[in-house]
Amino acid sequence: MANPVLQEGKRAPAFTLPSQNGKVRLTEHRGRWVVVYFYPKDNTPGCTTQACDFRDRKQEFEKEGAVILGISPDDRESHIRFAEQHNISFPVLVDRDARVANKYGAWREKKNSGRPYLGIVRSSFLVDPSGKIVRVWDNVRVKGHVEKVLATLREELAG
């Protein structure tokens, strides 16, 4: 059963997932800002654009003290190829059973040609250094999204 999207102000659910470079725990980033974004599939047009947009702004996120974590149901081998092909240096995490996506409410009913199915709804979460979700973007449109996330991070830092 799919969960509703997490609300701002809630604690971000902890997770440990494999990435293209080894295991990643959300808790290892406590004390830093974290962008957790869920995307449907490696090497599809929208997902590739989104990952490359995050890649291109990664240094700006790091300058603000933030890390980027991408999550999809693809397997580790797919993530390795995806990261190598597009020079993605931030972790892309494997959530094969969508357990973590479901906890965040990113695993929900979608429709393809009018037929319902469960899948990843493109979503992003900005998590503060204490582990609280301060911003949620649900059903994300890729164009301009990374800029919105970076602007929100800067607004939060400015207080």
Protein backbone atom coordinates (compact mmCIF):
# COMPACT_ATOMS: atom_id res chain seq x y z
CA MET A 1 0.00 0.00 0.00
CA ALA A 2 1.33 3.44 -0.93
CA ASN A 3 1.88 6.06 1.75
CA PRO A 4 1.01 9.76 1.39
CA VAL A 5 3.84 12.20 0.71
CA LEU A 6 5.68 13.21 3.87
CA GLN A 7 4.86 16.65 5.16
CA GLU A 8 7.23 19.49 5.91
CA GLY A 9 8.22 19.56 9.56
CA LYS A 10 8.35 15.76 9.89
CA ARG A 11 11.54 13.85 10.60
CA ALA A 12 13.04 12.34 7.45
CA PRO A 13 12.84 8.53 7.66
CA ALA A 14 16.29 7.01 8.12
CA PHE A 15 17.58 4.64 5.48
CA THR A 16 20.63 2.66 4.46
CA LEU A 17 20.83 1.83 0.76
CA PRO A 18 23.51 0.67 -1.67
CA SER A 19 24.79 3.19 -4.22
CA GLN A 20 27.09 2.99 -7.20
CA ASN A 21 29.99 3.35 -4.72
CA GLY A 22 28.88 1.45 -1.61
CA LYS A 23 26.33 1.80 1.18
CA VAL A 24 24.93 5.20 2.14
CA ARG A 25 23.10 6.03 5.36
CA LEU A 26 21.02 9.16 5.70
CA THR A 27 22.21 9.44 9.31
CA GLU A 28 25.86 9.75 8.20
CA HIS A 29 24.91 13.18 6.86
CA ARG A 30 23.40 14.44 10.12
CA GLY A 31 24.67 17.96 10.69
CA ARG A 32 24.48 18.78 6.97
CA TRP A 33 21.70 19.76 4.63
CA VAL A 34 20.57 16.89 2.40
CA VAL A 35 18.62 16.89 -0.84
CA VAL A 36 16.89 13.52 -1.23
CA TYR A 37 15.31 13.14 -4.64
CA PHE A 38 13.37 10.20 -6.05
CA TYR A 39 13.33 9.55 -9.77
CA PRO A 40 11.68 6.77 -11.81
CA LYS A 41 14.44 5.28 -13.99
CA ASP A 42 18.07 5.64 -15.02
CA ASN A 43 18.81 6.75 -18.58
CA THR A 44 15.35 8.05 -19.40
CA PRO A 45 15.11 11.61 -20.74
CA GLY A 46 13.61 13.39 -17.71
CA CYS A 47 15.63 11.45 -15.15
CA THR A 48 18.87 12.00 -17.04
CA THR A 49 18.18 15.73 -17.36
CA GLN A 50 17.39 15.99 -13.65
CA ALA A 51 20.53 14.10 -12.61
CA CYS A 52 22.70 16.18 -14.94
CA ASP A 53 21.14 19.40 -13.60
CA PHE A 54 22.03 18.31 -10.05
CA ARG A 55 25.51 17.30 -11.28
CA ASP A 56 26.05 20.71 -12.88
CA ARG A 57 25.08 22.54 -9.66
CA LYS A 58 26.70 20.08 -7.24
CA GLN A 59 29.54 22.43 -6.28
CA GLU A 60 27.03 25.16 -5.44
CA PHE A 61 25.12 22.77 -3.18
CA GLU A 62 28.39 21.70 -1.54
CA LYS A 63 29.38 25.35 -1.02
CA GLU A 64 26.14 25.74 0.95
CA GLY A 65 26.97 22.63 2.99
CA ALA A 66 24.49 20.30 1.28
CA VAL A 67 24.76 16.80 -0.16
CA ILE A 68 22.63 15.33 -2.95
CA LEU A 69 21.22 11.79 -2.83
CA GLY A 70 19.29 10.43 -5.81
CA ILE A 71 17.12 7.32 -5.31
CA SER A 72 15.43 5.03 -7.83
CA PRO A 73 14.38 1.37 -8.06
CA ASP A 74 17.13 0.59 -10.58
CA ASP A 75 19.78 -1.96 -9.63
CA ARG A 76 23.37 -1.14 -8.73
CA GLU A 77 24.75 -2.09 -12.15
CA SER A 78 22.32 0.32 -13.81
CA HIS A 79 23.37 3.07 -11.39
CA ILE A 80 27.05 2.41 -12.09
CA ARG A 81 26.48 2.73 -15.86
CA PHE A 82 24.23 5.79 -15.39
CA ALA A 83 26.76 7.57 -13.16
CA GLU A 84 29.71 6.74 -15.44
CA GLN A 85 27.90 7.68 -18.64
CA HIS A 86 26.78 11.07 -17.29
CA ASN A 87 29.70 11.85 -14.92
CA ILE A 88 27.45 11.85 -11.87
CA SER A 89 29.62 12.04 -8.77
CA PHE A 90 26.91 12.20 -6.10
CA PRO A 91 25.40 8.95 -4.79
CA VAL A 92 22.53 7.36 -6.72
CA LEU A 93 20.92 4.85 -4.40
CA VAL A 94 19.27 1.49 -5.08
CA ASP A 95 15.73 1.09 -3.71
CA ARG A 96 14.73 -2.09 -5.58
CA ASP A 97 11.63 -2.84 -3.50
CA ALA A 98 10.68 0.88 -3.23
CA ARG A 99 10.63 0.53 0.56
CA VAL A 100 12.30 3.90 1.12
CA ALA A 101 10.32 5.60 -1.65
CA ASN A 102 7.15 4.33 0.03
CA LYS A 103 8.23 5.75 3.42
CA TYR A 104 8.66 9.16 1.79
CA GLY A 105 5.40 8.86 -0.17
CA ALA A 106 7.16 8.86 -3.54
CA TRP A 107 5.87 5.36 -4.43
CA ARG A 108 2.28 5.90 -5.52
CA GLU A 109 -0.33 5.11 -8.10
CA LYS A 110 0.37 6.49 -11.55
CA LYS A 111 -1.36 5.97 -14.88
CA ASN A 112 -0.04 4.84 -18.23
CA SER A 113 -2.55 5.00 -21.08
CA GLY A 114 -5.29 5.21 -18.46
CA ARG A 115 -4.15 2.08 -16.63
CA PRO A 116 -3.15 2.46 -12.98
CA TYR A 117 0.13 1.07 -11.68
CA LEU A 118 2.46 1.77 -8.75
CA GLY A 119 5.67 3.65 -9.48
CA ILE A 120 7.96 6.47 -8.45
CA VAL A 121 6.40 9.92 -8.54
CA ARG A 122 9.28 12.34 -9.08
CA SER A 123 9.72 14.01 -5.68
CA SER A 124 12.40 15.93 -3.79
CA PHE A 125 12.92 16.60 -0.10
CA LEU A 126 15.16 19.17 1.56
CA VAL A 127 16.31 17.84 4.93
CA ASP A 128 17.88 20.18 7.47
CA PRO A 129 20.97 19.34 9.57
CA SER A 130 18.77 18.02 12.41
CA GLY A 131 17.06 15.54 10.07
CA LYS A 132 13.78 17.44 9.66
CA ILE A 133 12.10 17.85 6.27
CA VAL A 134 11.86 21.57 5.60
CA ARG A 135 10.63 21.47 1.99
CA VAL A 136 8.81 18.95 -0.20
CA TRP A 137 8.47 19.10 -3.98
CA ASP A 138 5.92 16.57 -5.21
CA ASN A 139 5.24 15.54 -8.81
CA VAL A 140 8.28 17.53 -9.91
CA ARG A 141 8.64 19.06 -13.35
CA VAL A 142 12.32 18.74 -14.24
CA LYS A 143 12.88 22.08 -15.98
CA GLY A 144 14.06 24.62 -13.41
CA HIS A 145 13.65 22.24 -10.47
CA VAL A 146 17.28 22.13 -9.35
CA GLU A 147 17.42 25.93 -9.35
CA LYS A 148 14.32 26.00 -7.10
CA VAL A 149 15.90 23.54 -4.68
CA LEU A 150 19.14 25.54 -4.54
CA ALA A 151 17.24 28.82 -4.06
CA THR A 152 15.21 27.28 -1.23
CA LEU A 153 18.38 25.99 0.44
CA ARG A 154 19.87 29.47 0.28
CA GLU A 155 16.67 31.01 1.70
CA GLU A 156 16.74 28.54 4.60
CA LEU A 157 20.40 29.33 5.28
CA ALA A 158 19.69 33.07 5.22
CA GLY A 159 17.05 32.46 7.89
